[in-house]
Amino acid sequence: MKIEILGTGCAKCKALEEATKQAVAQSGMFAQIEKVEDIMKIMEYGVMSTPGLVIDGKVVSTGKLLTINEIKDLIQAH
């Protein structure tokens, strides 16, 4: 599983990255987590408001900071 955090480095983007790492650890699954800060790559996903969360190439959240439990639910749904 590949999880990407889309964001240019704002506080919410960093918080989403940390929450995602915790959610993956708590779920016991293996996932490659990558931070994407290149605005052109972010726009390729059609994301206009960050932070964004992408799981296996599919945008699952944009513009909000998810809780650890919300992220775990998204991971398990994949």
PDB file of N, CA and C in Angstrom:
ATOM      1  N   MET A   1       0.846  -1.174   0.000  1.00  0.00           N
ATOM      2  CA  MET A   1       0.000   0.000   0.000  1.00  0.00           C
ATOM      3  C   MET A   1       0.890   1.236   0.000  1.00  0.00           C
ATOM      4  N   LYS A   2       0.526   2.200  -0.833  1.00  0.00           N
ATOM      5  CA  LYS A   2       1.267   3.460  -0.888  1.00  0.00           C
ATOM      6  C   LYS A   2       0.334   4.588  -0.474  1.00  0.00           C
ATOM      7  N   ILE A   3       0.778   5.344   0.522  1.00  0.00           N
ATOM      8  CA  ILE A   3      -0.002   6.476   1.014  1.00  0.00           C
ATOM      9  C   ILE A   3       0.801   7.743   0.768  1.00  0.00           C
ATOM     10  N   GLU A   4       0.143   8.727   0.155  1.00  0.00           N
ATOM     11  CA  GLU A   4       0.804   9.997  -0.093  1.00  0.00           C
ATOM     12  C   GLU A   4       0.078  11.107   0.659  1.00  0.00           C
ATOM     13  N   ILE A   5       0.867  11.975   1.272  1.00  0.00           N
ATOM     14  CA  ILE A   5       0.343  13.163   1.941  1.00  0.00           C
ATOM     15  C   ILE A   5       0.650  14.332   1.017  1.00  0.00           C
ATOM     16  N   LEU A   6      -0.379  15.009   0.548  1.00  0.00           N
ATOM     17  CA  LEU A   6      -0.194  16.130  -0.362  1.00  0.00           C
ATOM     18  C   LEU A   6      -0.247  17.429   0.423  1.00  0.00           C
ATOM     19  N   GLY A   7       0.817  18.221   0.319  1.00  0.00           N
ATOM     20  CA  GLY A   7       0.838  19.497   1.023  1.00  0.00           C
ATOM     21  C   GLY A   7       2.177  20.181   0.889  1.00  0.00           C
ATOM     22  N   THR A   8       2.152  21.491   0.973  1.00  0.00           N
ATOM     23  CA  THR A   8       3.365  22.269   0.742  1.00  0.00           C
ATOM     24  C   THR A   8       4.173  22.531   2.005  1.00  0.00           C
ATOM     25  N   GLY A   9       3.781  21.947   3.110  1.00  0.00           N
ATOM     26  CA  GLY A   9       4.555  22.105   4.339  1.00  0.00           C
ATOM     27  C   GLY A   9       3.855  22.900   5.418  1.00  0.00           C
ATOM     28  N   CYS A  10       2.576  23.146   5.268  1.00  0.00           N
ATOM     29  CA  CYS A  10       1.819  23.887   6.289  1.00  0.00           C
ATOM     30  C   CYS A  10       1.652  23.023   7.552  1.00  0.00           C
ATOM     31  N   ALA A  11       1.221  23.631   8.617  1.00  0.00           N
ATOM     32  CA  ALA A  11       1.063  22.924   9.890  1.00  0.00           C
ATOM     33  C   ALA A  11       0.072  21.767   9.770  1.00  0.00           C
ATOM     34  N   LYS A  12      -1.043  21.976   9.066  1.00  0.00           N
ATOM     35  CA  LYS A  12      -2.032  20.902   8.902  1.00  0.00           C
ATOM     36  C   LYS A  12      -1.453  19.737   8.105  1.00  0.00           C
ATOM     37  N   CYS A  13      -0.635  20.053   7.103  1.00  0.00           N
ATOM     38  CA  CYS A  13      -0.023  19.002   6.287  1.00  0.00           C
ATOM     39  C   CYS A  13       0.917  18.145   7.131  1.00  0.00           C
ATOM     40  N   LYS A  14       1.708  18.797   7.965  1.00  0.00           N
ATOM     41  CA  LYS A  14       2.634  18.076   8.836  1.00  0.00           C
ATOM     42  C   LYS A  14       1.873  17.252   9.868  1.00  0.00           C
ATOM     43  N   ALA A  15       0.787  17.798  10.387  1.00  0.00           N
ATOM     44  CA  ALA A  15      -0.029  17.075  11.364  1.00  0.00           C
ATOM     45  C   ALA A  15      -0.683  15.855  10.720  1.00  0.00           C
ATOM     46  N   LEU A  16      -1.132  15.997   9.464  1.00  0.00           N
ATOM     47  CA  LEU A  16      -1.738  14.858   8.762  1.00  0.00           C
ATOM     48  C   LEU A  16      -0.699  13.770   8.518  1.00  0.00           C
ATOM     49  N   GLU A  17       0.519  14.164   8.208  1.00  0.00           N
ATOM     50  CA  GLU A  17       1.587  13.183   7.999  1.00  0.00           C
ATOM     51  C   GLU A  17       1.841  12.396   9.288  1.00  0.00           C
ATOM     52  N   GLU A  18       1.918  13.087  10.412  1.00  0.00           N
ATOM     53  CA  GLU A  18       2.144  12.412  11.700  1.00  0.00           C
ATOM     54  C   GLU A  18       0.965  11.505  12.053  1.00  0.00           C
ATOM     55  N   ALA A  19      -0.247  11.988  11.860  1.00  0.00           N
ATOM     56  CA  ALA A  19      -1.435  11.186  12.163  1.00  0.00           C
ATOM     57  C   ALA A  19      -1.481   9.946  11.275  1.00  0.00           C
ATOM     58  N   THR A  20      -1.075  10.089  10.026  1.00  0.00           N
ATOM     59  CA  THR A  20      -1.064   8.953   9.093  1.00  0.00           C
ATOM     60  C   THR A  20      -0.053   7.905   9.547  1.00  0.00           C
ATOM     61  N   LYS A  21       1.121   8.349   9.962  1.00  0.00           N
ATOM     62  CA  LYS A  21       2.144   7.408  10.452  1.00  0.00           C
ATOM     63  C   LYS A  21       1.620   6.647  11.669  1.00  0.00           C
ATOM     64  N   GLN A  22       0.952   7.345  12.570  1.00  0.00           N
ATOM     65  CA  GLN A  22       0.397   6.690  13.756  1.00  0.00           C
ATOM     66  C   GLN A  22      -0.724   5.718  13.377  1.00  0.00           C
ATOM     67  N   ALA A  23      -1.564   6.122  12.437  1.00  0.00           N
ATOM     68  CA  ALA A  23      -2.674   5.261  12.009  1.00  0.00           C
ATOM     69  C   ALA A  23      -2.156   3.975  11.377  1.00  0.00           C
ATOM     70  N   VAL A  24      -1.128   4.087  10.555  1.00  0.00           N
ATOM     71  CA  VAL A  24      -0.544   2.896   9.917  1.00  0.00           C
ATOM     72  C   VAL A  24       0.060   1.986  10.981  1.00  0.00           C
ATOM     73  N   ALA A  25       0.786   2.571  11.930  1.00  0.00           N
ATOM     74  CA  ALA A  25       1.403   1.783  13.003  1.00  0.00           C
ATOM     75  C   ALA A  25       0.335   1.063  13.825  1.00  0.00           C
ATOM     76  N   GLN A  26      -0.750   1.761  14.148  1.00  0.00           N
ATOM     77  CA  GLN A  26      -1.809   1.164  14.965  1.00  0.00           C
ATOM     78  C   GLN A  26      -2.600   0.100  14.209  1.00  0.00           C
ATOM     79  N   SER A  27      -2.689   0.253  12.887  1.00  0.00           N
ATOM     80  CA  SER A  27      -3.468  -0.714  12.102  1.00  0.00           C
ATOM     81  C   SER A  27      -2.689  -2.008  11.877  1.00  0.00           C
ATOM     82  N   GLY A  28      -1.369  -1.962  12.089  1.00  0.00           N
ATOM     83  CA  GLY A  28      -0.548  -3.152  11.919  1.00  0.00           C
ATOM     84  C   GLY A  28      -0.301  -3.513  10.463  1.00  0.00           C
ATOM     85  N   MET A  29      -0.638  -2.613   9.556  1.00  0.00           N
ATOM     86  CA  MET A  29      -0.434  -2.872   8.131  1.00  0.00           C
ATOM     87  C   MET A  29       0.887  -2.256   7.694  1.00  0.00           C
ATOM     88  N   PHE A  30       1.383  -2.752   6.559  1.00  0.00           N
ATOM     89  CA  PHE A  30       2.590  -2.159   5.994  1.00  0.00           C
ATOM     90  C   PHE A  30       2.170  -1.152   4.928  1.00  0.00           C
ATOM     91  N   ALA A  31       2.741   0.032   4.991  1.00  0.00           N
ATOM     92  CA  ALA A  31       2.434   1.046   3.984  1.00  0.00           C
ATOM     93  C   ALA A  31       3.662   1.918   3.764  1.00  0.00           C
ATOM     94  N   GLN A  32       3.870   2.271   2.520  1.00  0.00           N
ATOM     95  CA  GLN A  32       4.907   3.236   2.171  1.00  0.00           C
ATOM     96  C   GLN A  32       4.264   4.616   2.254  1.00  0.00           C
ATOM     97  N   ILE A  33       4.805   5.475   3.093  1.00  0.00           N
ATOM     98  CA  ILE A  33       4.243   6.817   3.271  1.00  0.00           C
ATOM     99  C   ILE A  33       5.191   7.821   2.638  1.00  0.00           C
ATOM    100  N   GLU A  34       4.628   8.643   1.759  1.00  0.00           N
ATOM    101  CA  GLU A  34       5.438   9.628   1.045  1.00  0.00           C
ATOM    102  C   GLU A  34       4.805  11.008   1.165  1.00  0.00           C
ATOM    103  N   LYS A  35       5.612  12.013   1.448  1.00  0.00           N
ATOM    104  CA  LYS A  35       5.144  13.404   1.517  1.00  0.00           C
ATOM    105  C   LYS A  35       5.376  14.034   0.162  1.00  0.00           C
ATOM    106  N   VAL A  36       4.336  14.577  -0.446  1.00  0.00           N
ATOM    107  CA  VAL A  36       4.431  15.217  -1.752  1.00  0.00           C
ATOM    108  C   VAL A  36       4.254  16.721  -1.564  1.00  0.00           C
ATOM    109  N   GLU A  37       5.321  17.475  -1.828  1.00  0.00           N
ATOM    110  CA  GLU A  37       5.271  18.922  -1.646  1.00  0.00           C
ATOM    111  C   GLU A  37       5.314  19.686  -2.966  1.00  0.00           C
ATOM    112  N   ASP A  38       5.550  18.978  -4.075  1.00  0.00           N
ATOM    113  CA  ASP A  38       5.613  19.604  -5.393  1.00  0.00           C
ATOM    114  C   ASP A  38       4.206  20.013  -5.828  1.00  0.00           C
ATOM    115  N   ILE A  39       3.984  21.316  -5.979  1.00  0.00           N
ATOM    116  CA  ILE A  39       2.650  21.826  -6.286  1.00  0.00           C
ATOM    117  C   ILE A  39       2.123  21.274  -7.616  1.00  0.00           C
ATOM    118  N   MET A  40       2.999  21.011  -8.565  1.00  0.00           N
ATOM    119  CA  MET A  40       2.558  20.463  -9.858  1.00  0.00           C
ATOM    120  C   MET A  40       2.044  19.027  -9.685  1.00  0.00           C
ATOM    121  N   LYS A  41       2.736  18.235  -8.861  1.00  0.00           N
ATOM    122  CA  LYS A  41       2.274  16.869  -8.606  1.00  0.00           C
ATOM    123  C   LYS A  41       0.942  16.881  -7.863  1.00  0.00           C
ATOM    124  N   ILE A  42       0.798  17.814  -6.924  1.00  0.00           N
ATOM    125  CA  ILE A  42      -0.448  17.928  -6.169  1.00  0.00           C
ATOM    126  C   ILE A  42      -1.595  18.277  -7.127  1.00  0.00           C
ATOM    127  N   MET A  43      -1.332  19.203  -8.038  1.00  0.00           N
ATOM    128  CA  MET A  43      -2.360  19.611  -8.998  1.00  0.00           C
ATOM    129  C   MET A  43      -2.725  18.482  -9.961  1.00  0.00           C
ATOM    130  N   GLU A  44      -1.768  17.582 -10.257  1.00  0.00           N
ATOM    131  CA  GLU A  44      -2.052  16.437 -11.126  1.00  0.00           C
ATOM    132  C   GLU A  44      -3.153  15.554 -10.530  1.00  0.00           C
ATOM    133  N   TYR A  45      -3.248  15.536  -9.211  1.00  0.00           N
ATOM    134  CA  TYR A  45      -4.308  14.773  -8.548  1.00  0.00           C
ATOM    135  C   TYR A  45      -5.629  15.537  -8.538  1.00  0.00           C
ATOM    136  N   GLY A  46      -5.615  16.793  -8.979  1.00  0.00           N
ATOM    137  CA  GLY A  46      -6.826  17.598  -8.971  1.00  0.00           C
ATOM    138  C   GLY A  46      -7.145  18.167  -7.596  1.00  0.00           C
ATOM    139  N   VAL A  47      -6.157  18.169  -6.711  1.00  0.00           N
ATOM    140  CA  VAL A  47      -6.356  18.662  -5.352  1.00  0.00           C
ATOM    141  C   VAL A  47      -6.074  20.162  -5.326  1.00  0.00           C
ATOM    142  N   MET A  48      -7.068  20.929  -4.937  1.00  0.00           N
ATOM    143  CA  MET A  48      -6.910  22.381  -4.887  1.00  0.00           C
ATOM    144  C   MET A  48      -6.757  22.887  -3.456  1.00  0.00           C
ATOM    145  N   SER A  49      -7.081  22.047  -2.485  1.00  0.00           N
ATOM    146  CA  SER A  49      -6.994  22.469  -1.098  1.00  0.00           C
ATOM    147  C   SER A  49      -6.289  21.378  -0.292  1.00  0.00           C
ATOM    148  N   THR A  50      -5.199  21.768   0.346  1.00  0.00           N
ATOM    149  CA  THR A  50      -4.402  20.805   1.096  1.00  0.00           C
ATOM    150  C   THR A  50      -4.736  20.910   2.584  1.00  0.00           C
ATOM    151  N   PRO A  51      -4.442  19.925   3.372  1.00  0.00           N
ATOM    152  CA  PRO A  51      -3.712  18.720   2.999  1.00  0.00           C
ATOM    153  C   PRO A  51      -4.596  17.718   2.249  1.00  0.00           C
ATOM    154  N   GLY A  52      -3.939  16.875   1.493  1.00  0.00           N
ATOM    155  CA  GLY A  52      -4.643  15.816   0.774  1.00  0.00           C
ATOM    156  C   GLY A  52      -4.080  14.468   1.172  1.00  0.00           C
ATOM    157  N   LEU A  53      -4.927  13.466   1.127  1.00  0.00           N
ATOM    158  CA  LEU A  53      -4.502  12.102   1.442  1.00  0.00           C
ATOM    159  C   LEU A  53      -4.830  11.214   0.256  1.00  0.00           C
ATOM    160  N   VAL A  54      -3.810  10.503  -0.237  1.00  0.00           N
ATOM    161  CA  VAL A  54      -3.960   9.634  -1.397  1.00  0.00           C
ATOM    162  C   VAL A  54      -3.554   8.228  -0.980  1.00  0.00           C
ATOM    163  N   ILE A  55      -4.420   7.254  -1.238  1.00  0.00           N
ATOM    164  CA  ILE A  55      -4.097   5.857  -0.952  1.00  0.00           C
ATOM    165  C   ILE A  55      -4.121   5.090  -2.261  1.00  0.00           C
ATOM    166  N   ASP A  56      -2.968   4.484  -2.595  1.00  0.00           N
ATOM    167  CA  ASP A  56      -2.815   3.720  -3.831  1.00  0.00           C
ATOM    168  C   ASP A  56      -3.324   4.488  -5.053  1.00  0.00           C
ATOM    169  N   GLY A  57      -2.945   5.763  -5.135  1.00  0.00           N
ATOM    170  CA  GLY A  57      -3.266   6.569  -6.300  1.00  0.00           C
ATOM    171  C   GLY A  57      -4.644   7.191  -6.315  1.00  0.00           C
ATOM    172  N   LYS A  58      -5.448   6.936  -5.278  1.00  0.00           N
ATOM    173  CA  LYS A  58      -6.804   7.476  -5.222  1.00  0.00           C
ATOM    174  C   LYS A  58      -6.905   8.525  -4.115  1.00  0.00           C
ATOM    175  N   VAL A  59      -7.370   9.719  -4.480  1.00  0.00           N
ATOM    176  CA  VAL A  59      -7.544  10.789  -3.497  1.00  0.00           C
ATOM    177  C   VAL A  59      -8.721  10.428  -2.595  1.00  0.00           C
ATOM    178  N   VAL A  60      -8.476  10.334  -1.293  1.00  0.00           N
ATOM    179  CA  VAL A  60      -9.535   9.957  -0.346  1.00  0.00           C
ATOM    180  C   VAL A  60      -9.938  11.100   0.580  1.00  0.00           C
ATOM    181  N   SER A  61      -9.129  12.170   0.612  1.00  0.00           N
ATOM    182  CA  SER A  61      -9.467  13.309   1.463  1.00  0.00           C
ATOM    183  C   SER A  61      -8.701  14.540   0.993  1.00  0.00           C
ATOM    184  N   THR A  62      -9.367  15.702   1.043  1.00  0.00           N
ATOM    185  CA  THR A  62      -8.682  16.959   0.740  1.00  0.00           C
ATOM    186  C   THR A  62      -9.179  18.054   1.670  1.00  0.00           C
ATOM    187  N   GLY A  63      -8.276  18.965   1.987  1.00  0.00           N
ATOM    188  CA  GLY A  63      -8.646  20.178   2.691  1.00  0.00           C
ATOM    189  C   GLY A  63      -8.977  20.069   4.165  1.00  0.00           C
ATOM    190  N   LYS A  64      -8.697  18.898   4.770  1.00  0.00           N
ATOM    191  CA  LYS A  64      -8.984  18.808   6.200  1.00  0.00           C
ATOM    192  C   LYS A  64      -7.995  17.887   6.894  1.00  0.00           C
ATOM    193  N   LEU A  65      -7.855  18.130   8.166  1.00  0.00           N
ATOM    194  CA  LEU A  65      -6.983  17.306   8.999  1.00  0.00           C
ATOM    195  C   LEU A  65      -7.821  16.170   9.573  1.00  0.00           C
ATOM    196  N   LEU A  66      -7.510  14.957   9.162  1.00  0.00           N
ATOM    197  CA  LEU A  66      -8.249  13.780   9.624  1.00  0.00           C
ATOM    198  C   LEU A  66      -7.711  13.304  10.969  1.00  0.00           C
ATOM    199  N   THR A  67      -8.572  12.647  11.745  1.00  0.00           N
ATOM    200  CA  THR A  67      -8.121  12.030  12.990  1.00  0.00           C
ATOM    201  C   THR A  67      -7.437  10.705  12.664  1.00  0.00           C
ATOM    202  N   ILE A  68      -6.715  10.182  13.630  1.00  0.00           N
ATOM    203  CA  ILE A  68      -6.058   8.884  13.450  1.00  0.00           C
ATOM    204  C   ILE A  68      -7.095   7.817  13.131  1.00  0.00           C
ATOM    205  N   ASN A  69      -8.233   7.829  13.832  1.00  0.00           N
ATOM    206  CA  ASN A  69      -9.279   6.827  13.583  1.00  0.00           C
ATOM    207  C   ASN A  69      -9.880   6.956  12.187  1.00  0.00           C
ATOM    208  N   GLU A  70     -10.058   8.183  11.713  1.00  0.00           N
ATOM    209  CA  GLU A  70     -10.578   8.375  10.356  1.00  0.00           C
ATOM    210  C   GLU A  70      -9.602   7.825   9.317  1.00  0.00           C
ATOM    211  N   ILE A  71      -8.321   8.040   9.550  1.00  0.00           N
ATOM    212  CA  ILE A  71      -7.308   7.532   8.626  1.00  0.00           C
ATOM    213  C   ILE A  71      -7.282   6.013   8.653  1.00  0.00           C
ATOM    214  N   LYS A  72      -7.351   5.421   9.862  1.00  0.00           N
ATOM    215  CA  LYS A  72      -7.386   3.962   9.973  1.00  0.00           C
ATOM    216  C   LYS A  72      -8.567   3.383   9.210  1.00  0.00           C
ATOM    217  N   ASP A  73      -9.727   4.025   9.314  1.00  0.00           N
ATOM    218  CA  ASP A  73     -10.913   3.563   8.569  1.00  0.00           C
ATOM    219  C   ASP A  73     -10.677   3.592   7.069  1.00  0.00           C
ATOM    220  N   LEU A  74     -10.057   4.647   6.583  1.00  0.00           N
ATOM    221  CA  LEU A  74      -9.753   4.764   5.141  1.00  0.00           C
ATOM    222  C   LEU A  74      -8.750   3.688   4.698  1.00  0.00           C
ATOM    223  N   ILE A  75      -7.747   3.434   5.543  1.00  0.00           N
ATOM    224  CA  ILE A  75      -6.737   2.411   5.228  1.00  0.00           C
ATOM    225  C   ILE A  75      -7.401   1.037   5.154  1.00  0.00           C
ATOM    226  N   GLN A  76      -8.235   0.740   6.143  1.00  0.00           N
ATOM    227  CA  GLN A  76      -8.877  -0.584   6.197  1.00  0.00           C
ATOM    228  C   GLN A  76      -9.896  -0.757   5.074  1.00  0.00           C
ATOM    229  N   ALA A  77     -10.460   0.328   4.590  1.00  0.00           N
ATOM    230  CA  ALA A  77     -11.426   0.246   3.495  1.00  0.00           C
ATOM    231  C   ALA A  77     -10.729  -0.079   2.172  1.00  0.00           C
ATOM    232  N   HIS A  78      -9.413   0.083   2.143  1.00  0.00           N
ATOM    233  CA  HIS A  78      -8.665  -0.175   0.909  1.00  0.00           C
ATOM    234  C   HIS A  78      -8.228  -1.579   0.811  1.00  0.00           C
TER     235      HIS A  78
END
